[in-house]
N, C-alpha and C. Protein backbone atom coordinates (compact mmCIF):
# COMPACT_ATOMS: atom_id res chain seq x y z
N ALA A 1 4.81 -0.36 47.55
CA ALA A 1 5.36 0.14 46.30
C ALA A 1 5.06 1.62 46.17
N LEU A 2 6.03 2.37 45.66
CA LEU A 2 5.82 3.81 45.48
C LEU A 2 4.97 4.07 44.25
N PRO A 3 4.10 5.06 44.29
CA PRO A 3 3.30 5.40 43.09
C PRO A 3 4.20 5.92 41.97
N ILE A 4 3.80 5.65 40.74
CA ILE A 4 4.56 6.13 39.59
C ILE A 4 4.20 7.59 39.34
N SER A 5 5.21 8.42 39.22
CA SER A 5 4.95 9.84 38.98
C SER A 5 4.45 10.05 37.56
N ALA A 6 3.88 11.21 37.30
CA ALA A 6 3.34 11.53 35.97
C ALA A 6 4.41 11.46 34.89
N PRO A 7 5.61 12.05 35.12
CA PRO A 7 6.66 11.93 34.08
C PRO A 7 7.07 10.49 33.80
N GLN A 8 7.16 9.68 34.88
CA GLN A 8 7.51 8.28 34.70
C GLN A 8 6.42 7.54 33.90
N ALA A 9 5.18 7.84 34.21
CA ALA A 9 4.06 7.21 33.51
C ALA A 9 4.07 7.59 32.03
N ALA A 10 4.35 8.86 31.75
CA ALA A 10 4.40 9.32 30.37
C ALA A 10 5.53 8.63 29.62
N GLU A 11 6.68 8.48 30.28
CA GLU A 11 7.82 7.81 29.65
C GLU A 11 7.49 6.35 29.37
N ALA A 12 6.84 5.70 30.33
CA ALA A 12 6.45 4.29 30.14
C ALA A 12 5.48 4.15 28.99
N ALA A 13 4.55 5.12 28.85
CA ALA A 13 3.57 5.07 27.77
C ALA A 13 4.25 5.22 26.42
N VAL A 14 5.23 6.12 26.35
CA VAL A 14 5.96 6.32 25.10
C VAL A 14 6.73 5.06 24.73
N GLN A 15 7.38 4.47 25.70
CA GLN A 15 8.15 3.25 25.44
C GLN A 15 7.24 2.12 24.97
N ALA A 16 6.07 2.03 25.57
CA ALA A 16 5.14 0.97 25.19
C ALA A 16 4.61 1.19 23.78
N ALA A 17 4.46 2.47 23.39
CA ALA A 17 3.92 2.78 22.07
C ALA A 17 4.92 2.46 20.96
N GLU A 18 6.19 2.54 21.27
CA GLU A 18 7.22 2.34 20.26
C GLU A 18 7.55 0.86 20.11
N VAL A 19 6.59 0.12 19.62
CA VAL A 19 6.79 -1.31 19.40
C VAL A 19 7.59 -1.50 18.11
N ALA A 20 8.54 -2.39 18.14
CA ALA A 20 9.35 -2.64 16.96
C ALA A 20 8.50 -3.27 15.85
N VAL A 21 8.62 -2.72 14.64
CA VAL A 21 7.87 -3.26 13.50
C VAL A 21 8.77 -4.05 12.56
N ALA A 22 10.08 -3.87 12.68
CA ALA A 22 11.00 -4.56 11.77
C ALA A 22 12.36 -4.70 12.42
N GLN A 23 13.12 -5.66 11.89
CA GLN A 23 14.47 -5.92 12.39
C GLN A 23 15.42 -6.00 11.20
N VAL A 24 16.55 -5.34 11.31
CA VAL A 24 17.62 -5.44 10.33
C VAL A 24 18.88 -5.82 11.07
N GLY A 25 19.43 -6.99 10.78
CA GLY A 25 20.54 -7.48 11.58
C GLY A 25 20.05 -7.75 12.99
N ASN A 26 20.72 -7.18 13.98
CA ASN A 26 20.30 -7.33 15.37
C ASN A 26 19.63 -6.08 15.91
N VAL A 27 19.27 -5.17 15.03
CA VAL A 27 18.68 -3.89 15.45
C VAL A 27 17.19 -3.87 15.15
N ASN A 28 16.38 -3.50 16.13
CA ASN A 28 14.94 -3.37 15.95
C ASN A 28 14.58 -1.92 15.63
N TYR A 29 13.55 -1.75 14.81
CA TYR A 29 13.11 -0.42 14.40
C TYR A 29 11.62 -0.26 14.65
N ALA A 30 11.25 0.90 15.23
CA ALA A 30 9.84 1.20 15.46
C ALA A 30 9.21 1.88 14.25
N ASN A 31 10.05 2.29 13.30
CA ASN A 31 9.58 3.01 12.12
C ASN A 31 10.02 2.24 10.88
N ILE A 32 9.09 1.85 10.02
CA ILE A 32 9.41 1.03 8.86
C ILE A 32 10.31 1.78 7.88
N THR A 33 10.18 3.09 7.81
CA THR A 33 11.04 3.89 6.92
C THR A 33 12.50 3.79 7.36
N ASP A 34 12.73 3.86 8.66
CA ASP A 34 14.10 3.75 9.18
C ASP A 34 14.67 2.35 8.90
N ALA A 35 13.81 1.34 9.02
CA ALA A 35 14.27 -0.03 8.77
C ALA A 35 14.70 -0.21 7.32
N PHE A 36 13.90 0.32 6.39
CA PHE A 36 14.26 0.21 4.97
C PHE A 36 15.53 1.01 4.67
N ALA A 37 15.68 2.17 5.29
CA ALA A 37 16.90 2.97 5.08
C ALA A 37 18.12 2.18 5.53
N ALA A 38 18.00 1.45 6.63
CA ALA A 38 19.13 0.67 7.14
C ALA A 38 19.48 -0.47 6.21
N VAL A 39 18.49 -1.22 5.75
CA VAL A 39 18.79 -2.39 4.92
C VAL A 39 19.22 -1.96 3.51
N LYS A 40 18.71 -0.84 3.03
CA LYS A 40 19.14 -0.34 1.72
C LYS A 40 20.59 0.11 1.77
N GLY A 41 21.00 0.60 2.93
CA GLY A 41 22.37 1.06 3.06
C GLY A 41 23.37 -0.05 3.33
N ASN A 42 22.94 -1.05 4.09
CA ASN A 42 23.88 -2.07 4.55
C ASN A 42 23.64 -3.46 3.97
N GLY A 43 22.50 -3.69 3.32
CA GLY A 43 22.20 -5.03 2.81
C GLY A 43 21.73 -5.94 3.93
N GLY A 44 21.66 -7.23 3.63
CA GLY A 44 21.22 -8.19 4.63
C GLY A 44 19.74 -8.50 4.49
N THR A 45 19.04 -8.60 5.63
CA THR A 45 17.62 -8.97 5.63
C THR A 45 16.82 -8.00 6.50
N LEU A 46 15.73 -7.52 5.95
CA LEU A 46 14.75 -6.77 6.74
C LEU A 46 13.62 -7.74 7.07
N LYS A 47 13.44 -8.02 8.35
CA LYS A 47 12.38 -8.94 8.79
C LYS A 47 11.28 -8.14 9.48
N LEU A 48 10.06 -8.28 8.99
CA LEU A 48 8.94 -7.63 9.66
C LEU A 48 8.68 -8.31 11.00
N LEU A 49 8.31 -7.50 11.99
CA LEU A 49 7.99 -8.02 13.32
C LEU A 49 6.54 -7.75 13.69
N ALA A 50 5.87 -6.88 12.93
CA ALA A 50 4.49 -6.51 13.24
C ALA A 50 3.83 -5.96 11.97
N LYS A 51 2.52 -5.92 11.98
CA LYS A 51 1.75 -5.31 10.91
C LYS A 51 2.10 -3.83 10.82
N CYS A 52 2.38 -3.34 9.62
CA CYS A 52 2.76 -1.93 9.48
C CYS A 52 2.40 -1.39 8.11
N LYS A 53 2.53 -0.07 7.96
CA LYS A 53 2.19 0.61 6.71
C LYS A 53 3.32 1.56 6.32
N THR A 54 3.41 1.83 5.02
CA THR A 54 4.31 2.89 4.56
C THR A 54 3.71 4.23 4.98
N PRO A 55 4.51 5.31 4.98
CA PRO A 55 4.01 6.60 5.47
C PRO A 55 2.73 7.08 4.79
N ASN A 56 2.62 6.88 3.48
CA ASN A 56 1.39 7.22 2.76
C ASN A 56 1.11 6.08 1.78
N THR A 57 0.08 5.30 2.06
CA THR A 57 -0.17 4.09 1.26
C THR A 57 -0.70 4.41 -0.13
N ASN A 58 -0.97 5.69 -0.42
CA ASN A 58 -1.40 6.09 -1.76
C ASN A 58 -0.26 6.62 -2.60
N GLU A 59 0.93 6.71 -2.01
CA GLU A 59 2.09 7.20 -2.75
C GLU A 59 3.13 6.09 -2.89
N PRO A 60 3.85 6.06 -4.01
CA PRO A 60 4.89 5.05 -4.20
C PRO A 60 5.96 5.14 -3.12
N PHE A 61 6.43 3.99 -2.66
CA PHE A 61 7.44 3.92 -1.61
C PHE A 61 8.62 3.13 -2.15
N ASP A 62 9.76 3.80 -2.31
CA ASP A 62 10.93 3.21 -2.96
C ASP A 62 11.66 2.26 -2.00
N ILE A 63 11.74 0.98 -2.39
CA ILE A 63 12.46 0.00 -1.56
C ILE A 63 13.67 -0.56 -2.32
N SER A 64 14.20 0.21 -3.27
CA SER A 64 15.31 -0.24 -4.10
C SER A 64 16.53 -0.60 -3.26
N GLY A 65 17.27 -1.62 -3.71
CA GLY A 65 18.49 -2.00 -3.01
C GLY A 65 18.92 -3.40 -3.35
N ASN A 66 19.74 -3.97 -2.48
CA ASN A 66 20.26 -5.32 -2.66
C ASN A 66 20.14 -6.03 -1.32
N TYR A 67 18.99 -6.71 -1.10
CA TYR A 67 18.73 -7.29 0.21
C TYR A 67 17.54 -8.25 0.13
N THR A 68 17.18 -8.82 1.28
CA THR A 68 16.02 -9.71 1.38
C THR A 68 14.96 -9.07 2.26
N LEU A 69 13.72 -9.13 1.81
CA LEU A 69 12.57 -8.68 2.60
C LEU A 69 11.83 -9.92 3.08
N ASP A 70 11.88 -10.15 4.40
CA ASP A 70 11.21 -11.30 5.00
C ASP A 70 9.92 -10.81 5.66
N LEU A 71 8.78 -11.22 5.09
CA LEU A 71 7.48 -10.77 5.62
C LEU A 71 7.18 -11.38 6.98
N ASN A 72 7.73 -12.54 7.27
CA ASN A 72 7.68 -13.14 8.61
C ASN A 72 6.25 -13.22 9.16
N GLY A 73 5.29 -13.57 8.31
CA GLY A 73 3.92 -13.74 8.75
C GLY A 73 3.17 -12.44 9.00
N CYS A 74 3.78 -11.30 8.66
CA CYS A 74 3.16 -9.99 8.91
C CYS A 74 2.68 -9.36 7.60
N THR A 75 1.90 -8.30 7.72
CA THR A 75 1.39 -7.58 6.56
C THR A 75 2.03 -6.20 6.48
N LEU A 76 2.59 -5.89 5.33
CA LEU A 76 3.11 -4.55 5.04
C LEU A 76 2.19 -3.94 4.00
N THR A 77 1.53 -2.84 4.35
CA THR A 77 0.58 -2.19 3.46
C THR A 77 1.23 -1.00 2.79
N GLY A 78 1.12 -0.91 1.46
CA GLY A 78 1.67 0.22 0.74
C GLY A 78 1.86 -0.07 -0.73
N ARG A 79 2.37 0.93 -1.45
CA ARG A 79 2.70 0.84 -2.88
C ARG A 79 4.22 0.75 -3.01
N LEU A 80 4.76 -0.43 -2.96
CA LEU A 80 6.21 -0.59 -3.02
C LEU A 80 6.68 -0.57 -4.47
N TYR A 81 7.85 0.01 -4.71
CA TYR A 81 8.41 -0.05 -6.06
C TYR A 81 9.93 -0.11 -6.00
N LEU A 82 10.49 -0.65 -7.08
CA LEU A 82 11.93 -0.72 -7.26
C LEU A 82 12.31 0.17 -8.43
N SER A 83 13.21 1.10 -8.21
CA SER A 83 13.61 2.03 -9.27
C SER A 83 14.56 1.35 -10.26
N GLU A 84 14.92 2.06 -11.29
CA GLU A 84 15.83 1.51 -12.31
C GLU A 84 17.22 1.26 -11.75
N THR A 85 17.53 1.86 -10.61
CA THR A 85 18.86 1.66 -10.01
C THR A 85 18.88 0.50 -9.03
N SER A 86 17.75 -0.13 -8.77
CA SER A 86 17.72 -1.26 -7.85
C SER A 86 18.55 -2.41 -8.42
N THR A 87 19.16 -3.20 -7.53
CA THR A 87 20.01 -4.29 -8.02
C THR A 87 19.37 -5.66 -7.82
N SER A 88 19.05 -6.03 -6.56
CA SER A 88 18.52 -7.37 -6.34
C SER A 88 17.69 -7.43 -5.07
N LEU A 89 16.42 -7.77 -5.21
CA LEU A 89 15.52 -7.93 -4.07
C LEU A 89 14.99 -9.35 -4.03
N THR A 90 15.04 -9.97 -2.84
CA THR A 90 14.39 -11.26 -2.62
C THR A 90 13.27 -11.06 -1.62
N VAL A 91 12.08 -11.56 -1.96
CA VAL A 91 10.93 -11.50 -1.05
C VAL A 91 10.62 -12.91 -0.59
N LYS A 92 10.47 -13.09 0.74
CA LYS A 92 10.11 -14.39 1.26
C LYS A 92 9.24 -14.20 2.50
N ASP A 93 8.64 -15.28 2.94
CA ASP A 93 7.83 -15.26 4.15
C ASP A 93 8.25 -16.43 5.02
N SER A 94 9.00 -16.15 6.08
CA SER A 94 9.46 -17.22 6.96
C SER A 94 8.38 -17.61 7.97
N GLY A 95 7.25 -16.87 7.96
CA GLY A 95 6.12 -17.19 8.81
C GLY A 95 4.97 -17.73 7.99
N THR A 96 3.75 -17.42 8.41
CA THR A 96 2.55 -17.87 7.71
C THR A 96 1.67 -16.67 7.39
N ASN A 97 1.17 -16.60 6.17
CA ASN A 97 0.25 -15.55 5.74
C ASN A 97 0.88 -14.17 5.68
N GLY A 98 2.19 -14.09 5.50
CA GLY A 98 2.82 -12.79 5.30
C GLY A 98 2.45 -12.22 3.95
N LYS A 99 2.23 -10.89 3.90
CA LYS A 99 1.81 -10.31 2.62
C LYS A 99 2.22 -8.85 2.49
N ILE A 100 2.32 -8.44 1.22
CA ILE A 100 2.41 -7.04 0.87
C ILE A 100 1.02 -6.68 0.34
N GLN A 101 0.35 -5.76 1.01
CA GLN A 101 -1.04 -5.43 0.70
C GLN A 101 -1.14 -4.03 0.11
N ALA A 102 -1.65 -3.95 -1.12
CA ALA A 102 -1.87 -2.65 -1.75
C ALA A 102 -3.22 -2.08 -1.35
N THR A 103 -3.40 -0.80 -1.52
CA THR A 103 -4.68 -0.14 -1.27
C THR A 103 -5.26 0.38 -2.58
N GLY A 104 -6.57 0.62 -2.59
CA GLY A 104 -7.22 1.18 -3.77
C GLY A 104 -6.99 0.33 -5.00
N SER A 105 -6.65 0.98 -6.11
CA SER A 105 -6.33 0.24 -7.33
C SER A 105 -4.85 0.14 -7.58
N TRP A 106 -4.05 0.38 -6.54
CA TRP A 106 -2.59 0.36 -6.69
C TRP A 106 -2.03 -1.06 -6.69
N SER A 107 -0.77 -1.15 -7.11
CA SER A 107 -0.05 -2.42 -7.12
C SER A 107 0.82 -2.53 -5.87
N PRO A 108 0.91 -3.72 -5.24
CA PRO A 108 1.80 -3.87 -4.09
C PRO A 108 3.29 -3.80 -4.45
N LEU A 109 3.65 -4.18 -5.68
CA LEU A 109 5.06 -4.13 -6.07
C LEU A 109 5.19 -3.86 -7.57
N TRP A 110 5.85 -2.75 -7.88
CA TRP A 110 6.07 -2.35 -9.28
C TRP A 110 7.58 -2.27 -9.48
N VAL A 111 8.07 -3.02 -10.45
CA VAL A 111 9.52 -3.14 -10.64
C VAL A 111 9.96 -2.40 -11.90
N TYR A 112 10.82 -1.40 -11.70
CA TYR A 112 11.38 -0.64 -12.82
C TYR A 112 12.80 -1.09 -13.15
N GLY A 113 13.42 -1.89 -12.27
CA GLY A 113 14.79 -2.28 -12.55
C GLY A 113 15.32 -3.35 -11.60
N GLY A 114 16.39 -4.01 -12.03
CA GLY A 114 17.08 -4.98 -11.20
C GLY A 114 16.52 -6.38 -11.29
N ASP A 115 17.07 -7.25 -10.45
CA ASP A 115 16.61 -8.64 -10.33
C ASP A 115 15.65 -8.75 -9.15
N VAL A 116 14.63 -9.58 -9.31
CA VAL A 116 13.68 -9.83 -8.22
C VAL A 116 13.45 -11.33 -8.12
N THR A 117 13.52 -11.85 -6.89
CA THR A 117 13.20 -13.25 -6.63
C THR A 117 12.10 -13.30 -5.58
N ILE A 118 11.02 -14.01 -5.88
CA ILE A 118 9.94 -14.19 -4.91
C ILE A 118 9.89 -15.67 -4.55
N GLU A 119 10.22 -15.95 -3.29
CA GLU A 119 10.29 -17.34 -2.82
C GLU A 119 9.01 -17.77 -2.12
N SER A 120 8.31 -16.83 -1.49
CA SER A 120 7.07 -17.13 -0.77
C SER A 120 6.44 -15.81 -0.36
N GLY A 121 5.24 -15.90 0.25
CA GLY A 121 4.51 -14.70 0.62
C GLY A 121 3.43 -14.38 -0.38
N THR A 122 2.60 -13.40 -0.05
CA THR A 122 1.47 -13.01 -0.88
C THR A 122 1.61 -11.56 -1.32
N LEU A 123 1.37 -11.30 -2.61
CA LEU A 123 1.25 -9.95 -3.12
C LEU A 123 -0.24 -9.74 -3.40
N ALA A 124 -0.87 -8.90 -2.58
CA ALA A 124 -2.33 -8.79 -2.60
C ALA A 124 -2.79 -7.41 -3.06
N THR A 125 -3.81 -7.40 -3.92
CA THR A 125 -4.44 -6.15 -4.33
C THR A 125 -5.77 -6.00 -3.61
N GLU A 126 -6.23 -4.77 -3.53
CA GLU A 126 -7.54 -4.53 -2.91
C GLU A 126 -8.65 -4.75 -3.93
N LYS A 127 -8.34 -4.45 -5.19
CA LYS A 127 -9.33 -4.61 -6.26
C LYS A 127 -8.90 -5.73 -7.20
N GLY A 128 -9.89 -6.44 -7.72
CA GLY A 128 -9.61 -7.60 -8.56
C GLY A 128 -8.99 -7.25 -9.89
N ASN A 129 -9.17 -6.01 -10.38
CA ASN A 129 -8.62 -5.63 -11.68
C ASN A 129 -7.33 -4.83 -11.56
N ALA A 130 -6.71 -4.86 -10.37
CA ALA A 130 -5.44 -4.17 -10.16
C ALA A 130 -4.27 -5.12 -10.45
N GLN A 131 -3.08 -4.54 -10.59
CA GLN A 131 -1.89 -5.33 -10.91
C GLN A 131 -1.19 -5.76 -9.61
N ALA A 132 -1.06 -7.06 -9.42
CA ALA A 132 -0.41 -7.57 -8.21
C ALA A 132 1.11 -7.44 -8.29
N LEU A 133 1.64 -7.46 -9.51
CA LEU A 133 3.08 -7.36 -9.72
C LEU A 133 3.31 -6.90 -11.15
N VAL A 134 4.18 -5.91 -11.31
CA VAL A 134 4.53 -5.41 -12.64
C VAL A 134 6.03 -5.52 -12.81
N PHE A 135 6.46 -6.14 -13.91
CA PHE A 135 7.89 -6.33 -14.17
C PHE A 135 8.12 -6.29 -15.68
N GLY A 136 9.26 -5.69 -16.09
CA GLY A 136 9.66 -5.76 -17.49
C GLY A 136 9.24 -4.59 -18.34
N ASP A 137 8.94 -3.45 -17.71
CA ASP A 137 8.51 -2.28 -18.49
C ASP A 137 9.67 -1.58 -19.19
N ASN A 138 10.90 -1.88 -18.78
CA ASN A 138 12.04 -1.23 -19.44
C ASN A 138 13.29 -2.10 -19.34
N ASP A 139 14.35 -1.64 -20.00
CA ASP A 139 15.58 -2.44 -20.10
C ASP A 139 16.33 -2.58 -18.78
N ALA A 140 16.00 -1.73 -17.78
CA ALA A 140 16.68 -1.85 -16.49
C ALA A 140 16.22 -3.09 -15.73
N CYS A 141 15.09 -3.66 -16.11
CA CYS A 141 14.62 -4.90 -15.50
C CYS A 141 15.48 -6.06 -16.01
N LYS A 142 15.99 -6.87 -15.10
CA LYS A 142 16.88 -7.96 -15.47
C LYS A 142 16.14 -9.30 -15.46
N THR A 143 16.03 -9.96 -14.30
CA THR A 143 15.37 -11.26 -14.22
C THR A 143 14.40 -11.29 -13.04
N LEU A 144 13.19 -11.72 -13.31
CA LEU A 144 12.20 -11.99 -12.27
C LEU A 144 12.10 -13.50 -12.11
N THR A 145 12.39 -13.99 -10.90
CA THR A 145 12.31 -15.41 -10.62
C THR A 145 11.25 -15.64 -9.56
N ILE A 146 10.24 -16.45 -9.88
CA ILE A 146 9.19 -16.76 -8.92
C ILE A 146 9.20 -18.27 -8.68
N THR A 147 9.58 -18.66 -7.46
CA THR A 147 9.62 -20.08 -7.13
C THR A 147 8.39 -20.51 -6.34
N ASP A 148 7.70 -19.54 -5.72
CA ASP A 148 6.47 -19.83 -4.98
C ASP A 148 5.85 -18.49 -4.61
N GLY A 149 4.75 -18.54 -3.87
CA GLY A 149 4.07 -17.33 -3.47
C GLY A 149 2.66 -17.30 -4.03
N SER A 150 1.88 -16.32 -3.57
CA SER A 150 0.48 -16.22 -3.97
C SER A 150 0.21 -14.87 -4.62
N PHE A 151 -0.45 -14.93 -5.76
CA PHE A 151 -0.83 -13.74 -6.53
C PHE A 151 -2.29 -13.92 -6.96
N GLU A 152 -3.14 -14.28 -6.00
CA GLU A 152 -4.48 -14.75 -6.33
C GLU A 152 -5.52 -13.64 -6.39
N THR A 153 -5.11 -12.40 -6.13
CA THR A 153 -5.98 -11.27 -6.43
C THR A 153 -5.26 -10.43 -7.47
N GLY A 154 -6.01 -9.75 -8.31
CA GLY A 154 -5.38 -8.95 -9.35
C GLY A 154 -4.66 -9.81 -10.37
N TYR A 155 -3.72 -9.19 -11.11
CA TYR A 155 -2.99 -9.94 -12.13
C TYR A 155 -1.52 -9.55 -12.14
N VAL A 156 -0.71 -10.49 -12.60
CA VAL A 156 0.73 -10.28 -12.73
C VAL A 156 1.00 -9.88 -14.17
N ASN A 157 1.66 -8.75 -14.35
CA ASN A 157 1.85 -8.16 -15.68
C ASN A 157 3.35 -8.15 -15.99
N ILE A 158 3.78 -8.93 -16.97
CA ILE A 158 5.22 -9.09 -17.21
C ILE A 158 5.57 -8.98 -18.69
N GLY A 159 6.85 -8.68 -18.95
CA GLY A 159 7.45 -8.88 -20.26
C GLY A 159 7.18 -7.84 -21.32
N ALA A 160 6.87 -6.60 -20.92
CA ALA A 160 6.53 -5.60 -21.94
C ALA A 160 7.70 -5.30 -22.88
N SER A 161 8.85 -4.92 -22.33
CA SER A 161 9.95 -4.52 -23.20
C SER A 161 11.33 -4.84 -22.65
N GLY A 162 11.41 -5.40 -21.43
CA GLY A 162 12.72 -5.68 -20.87
C GLY A 162 12.69 -6.81 -19.87
N GLY A 163 13.86 -7.40 -19.67
CA GLY A 163 13.99 -8.44 -18.66
C GLY A 163 13.41 -9.77 -19.08
N LYS A 164 13.64 -10.78 -18.24
CA LYS A 164 13.06 -12.09 -18.49
C LYS A 164 12.43 -12.60 -17.20
N THR A 165 11.46 -13.48 -17.33
CA THR A 165 10.73 -14.00 -16.18
C THR A 165 10.80 -15.52 -16.18
N VAL A 166 11.17 -16.10 -15.04
CA VAL A 166 11.26 -17.54 -14.88
C VAL A 166 10.34 -17.93 -13.73
N ILE A 167 9.28 -18.67 -14.02
CA ILE A 167 8.31 -19.07 -13.00
C ILE A 167 8.34 -20.59 -12.85
N SER A 168 8.64 -21.05 -11.62
CA SER A 168 8.67 -22.49 -11.36
C SER A 168 7.67 -22.89 -10.27
N GLY A 169 6.90 -21.94 -9.78
CA GLY A 169 5.90 -22.23 -8.76
C GLY A 169 5.09 -20.99 -8.45
N GLY A 170 4.10 -21.15 -7.56
CA GLY A 170 3.25 -20.03 -7.18
C GLY A 170 1.82 -20.23 -7.63
N ALA A 171 0.91 -19.52 -6.97
CA ALA A 171 -0.52 -19.58 -7.29
C ALA A 171 -0.95 -18.24 -7.86
N PHE A 172 -1.36 -18.25 -9.14
CA PHE A 172 -1.68 -17.03 -9.86
C PHE A 172 -3.15 -17.00 -10.23
N HIS A 173 -3.79 -15.84 -10.03
CA HIS A 173 -5.13 -15.66 -10.57
C HIS A 173 -5.02 -15.45 -12.08
N GLU A 174 -4.20 -14.48 -12.47
CA GLU A 174 -4.07 -14.18 -13.90
C GLU A 174 -2.66 -13.74 -14.22
N LEU A 175 -2.10 -14.31 -15.26
CA LEU A 175 -0.79 -13.92 -15.76
C LEU A 175 -0.99 -13.24 -17.11
N ARG A 176 -0.55 -11.99 -17.22
CA ARG A 176 -0.64 -11.26 -18.49
C ARG A 176 0.77 -11.10 -19.06
N VAL A 177 0.94 -11.60 -20.24
CA VAL A 177 2.25 -11.59 -20.89
C VAL A 177 2.24 -10.58 -22.03
N ASN A 178 3.18 -9.64 -21.98
CA ASN A 178 3.31 -8.64 -23.03
C ASN A 178 4.48 -9.00 -23.95
N GLY A 179 4.43 -8.50 -25.16
CA GLY A 179 5.59 -8.59 -26.04
C GLY A 179 6.00 -10.00 -26.39
N ASP A 180 7.30 -10.24 -26.36
CA ASP A 180 7.89 -11.48 -26.84
C ASP A 180 7.73 -12.58 -25.80
N SER A 181 7.10 -13.67 -26.17
CA SER A 181 6.91 -14.78 -25.22
C SER A 181 8.23 -15.43 -24.84
N LYS A 182 9.28 -15.20 -25.61
CA LYS A 182 10.59 -15.77 -25.28
C LYS A 182 11.17 -15.16 -24.01
N ARG A 183 10.58 -14.06 -23.53
CA ARG A 183 11.03 -13.46 -22.29
C ARG A 183 10.52 -14.21 -21.07
N VAL A 184 9.61 -15.17 -21.27
CA VAL A 184 8.94 -15.85 -20.16
C VAL A 184 9.15 -17.35 -20.27
N THR A 185 9.50 -17.98 -19.13
CA THR A 185 9.64 -19.44 -19.09
C THR A 185 8.86 -19.98 -17.90
N LEU A 186 7.94 -20.90 -18.16
CA LEU A 186 7.13 -21.51 -17.11
C LEU A 186 7.51 -22.97 -16.95
N SER A 187 7.76 -23.37 -15.69
CA SER A 187 7.97 -24.79 -15.42
C SER A 187 7.21 -25.23 -14.18
N GLY A 188 6.31 -24.38 -13.70
CA GLY A 188 5.52 -24.71 -12.53
C GLY A 188 4.56 -23.59 -12.21
N GLY A 189 3.70 -23.82 -11.21
CA GLY A 189 2.72 -22.82 -10.82
C GLY A 189 1.32 -23.22 -11.24
N THR A 190 0.33 -22.56 -10.65
CA THR A 190 -1.07 -22.76 -11.05
C THR A 190 -1.63 -21.43 -11.51
N PHE A 191 -2.42 -21.45 -12.56
CA PHE A 191 -2.91 -20.23 -13.20
C PHE A 191 -4.40 -20.38 -13.53
N ASP A 192 -5.21 -19.42 -13.07
CA ASP A 192 -6.61 -19.42 -13.50
C ASP A 192 -6.69 -19.02 -14.98
N THR A 193 -5.89 -18.04 -15.36
CA THR A 193 -5.92 -17.52 -16.73
C THR A 193 -4.52 -17.06 -17.13
N VAL A 194 -4.16 -17.32 -18.37
CA VAL A 194 -2.97 -16.72 -18.96
C VAL A 194 -3.43 -15.94 -20.18
N MET A 195 -3.09 -14.66 -20.23
CA MET A 195 -3.57 -13.80 -21.32
C MET A 195 -2.42 -13.08 -22.00
N ARG A 196 -2.60 -12.83 -23.28
CA ARG A 196 -1.70 -11.94 -23.98
C ARG A 196 -2.34 -10.55 -23.93
N ARG A 197 -1.73 -9.65 -23.20
CA ARG A 197 -2.37 -8.38 -22.88
C ARG A 197 -2.63 -7.53 -24.12
N LYS A 198 -1.76 -7.56 -25.09
CA LYS A 198 -1.91 -6.63 -26.22
C LYS A 198 -3.19 -6.86 -27.00
N SER A 199 -3.60 -8.13 -27.12
CA SER A 199 -4.85 -8.40 -27.83
C SER A 199 -6.00 -8.66 -26.87
N GLY A 200 -5.65 -8.91 -25.59
CA GLY A 200 -6.67 -9.14 -24.60
C GLY A 200 -7.36 -10.49 -24.72
N SER A 201 -6.83 -11.38 -25.55
CA SER A 201 -7.49 -12.67 -25.74
C SER A 201 -6.76 -13.75 -24.95
N THR A 202 -7.50 -14.75 -24.51
CA THR A 202 -6.90 -15.88 -23.82
C THR A 202 -6.08 -16.69 -24.81
N ILE A 203 -4.88 -17.14 -24.39
CA ILE A 203 -4.03 -17.91 -25.29
C ILE A 203 -3.76 -19.28 -24.70
N ALA A 204 -3.46 -20.23 -25.55
CA ALA A 204 -2.96 -21.53 -25.11
C ALA A 204 -1.44 -21.39 -25.11
N PRO A 205 -0.84 -21.04 -23.97
CA PRO A 205 0.51 -20.51 -23.97
C PRO A 205 1.60 -21.58 -23.95
N THR A 206 1.53 -22.52 -24.86
CA THR A 206 2.56 -23.56 -24.89
C THR A 206 3.94 -22.98 -25.23
N ASP A 207 3.96 -21.82 -25.89
CA ASP A 207 5.25 -21.21 -26.22
C ASP A 207 5.93 -20.62 -24.99
N LEU A 208 5.24 -20.54 -23.86
CA LEU A 208 5.84 -20.04 -22.62
C LEU A 208 6.51 -21.14 -21.81
N LEU A 209 6.20 -22.38 -22.14
CA LEU A 209 6.65 -23.50 -21.32
C LEU A 209 8.12 -23.83 -21.53
N ALA A 210 8.78 -24.19 -20.44
CA ALA A 210 10.14 -24.71 -20.55
C ALA A 210 10.12 -26.07 -21.25
N ASP A 211 11.23 -26.43 -21.86
CA ASP A 211 11.29 -27.71 -22.56
C ASP A 211 10.94 -28.86 -21.62
N GLY A 212 10.10 -29.77 -22.11
CA GLY A 212 9.75 -30.95 -21.33
C GLY A 212 8.57 -30.75 -20.41
N TYR A 213 7.91 -29.59 -20.44
CA TYR A 213 6.77 -29.32 -19.56
C TYR A 213 5.50 -29.15 -20.38
N THR A 214 4.36 -29.43 -19.74
CA THR A 214 3.07 -29.26 -20.38
C THR A 214 2.08 -28.76 -19.35
N PHE A 215 0.97 -28.16 -19.80
CA PHE A 215 -0.10 -27.75 -18.89
C PHE A 215 -1.03 -28.92 -18.63
N VAL A 216 -1.53 -28.97 -17.39
CA VAL A 216 -2.59 -29.94 -17.09
C VAL A 216 -3.73 -29.18 -16.43
N ASN A 217 -4.95 -29.61 -16.72
CA ASN A 217 -6.12 -28.97 -16.13
C ASN A 217 -6.29 -29.50 -14.71
N ARG A 218 -6.18 -28.60 -13.74
CA ARG A 218 -6.23 -29.04 -12.34
C ARG A 218 -7.64 -29.36 -11.91
């Protein structure tokens, strides 16, 4: 066998370093920013292929659009947010232990607008008193639907002044409900604590329940 020349070795090293971190359609991307740009422009599904981070995990990273984010058993670290112009995001995990991981006291997902559906996956905070998910801060927020998923660190903060939230499953450490309880409907899920944020007191939130449902102590 002939020895590999230095230029060939360098090229091989570069190719090996550029491991795909995400897939959109049939195209693989070595850069998560490029992958999000593609799915935001064309729709469809962005599937993670490897553990990755946003360019600066201390700065908000806009993932607004109309598409599905499949964590696929991988971890995406960063401060993700949806702007008021976002239309519809679905988050799911087709693998095992997929998560969006925040750093410091930041939130993994902050929603300023549009519809959001969370079917599975974990939204994880680094600190216990951080917000795992924020939704409903303004009128651009439409509907948050949570059918499953894990929010067992930090707290989920919903319903301040806009949008409605429908929860039929999921594991929550703490659910904080702002404003009008009519914005929230619960028909499933497990909760360590449900709080009304404005007064900071624990509530017996029967007014949040869908008709025909009741809380049971697990």
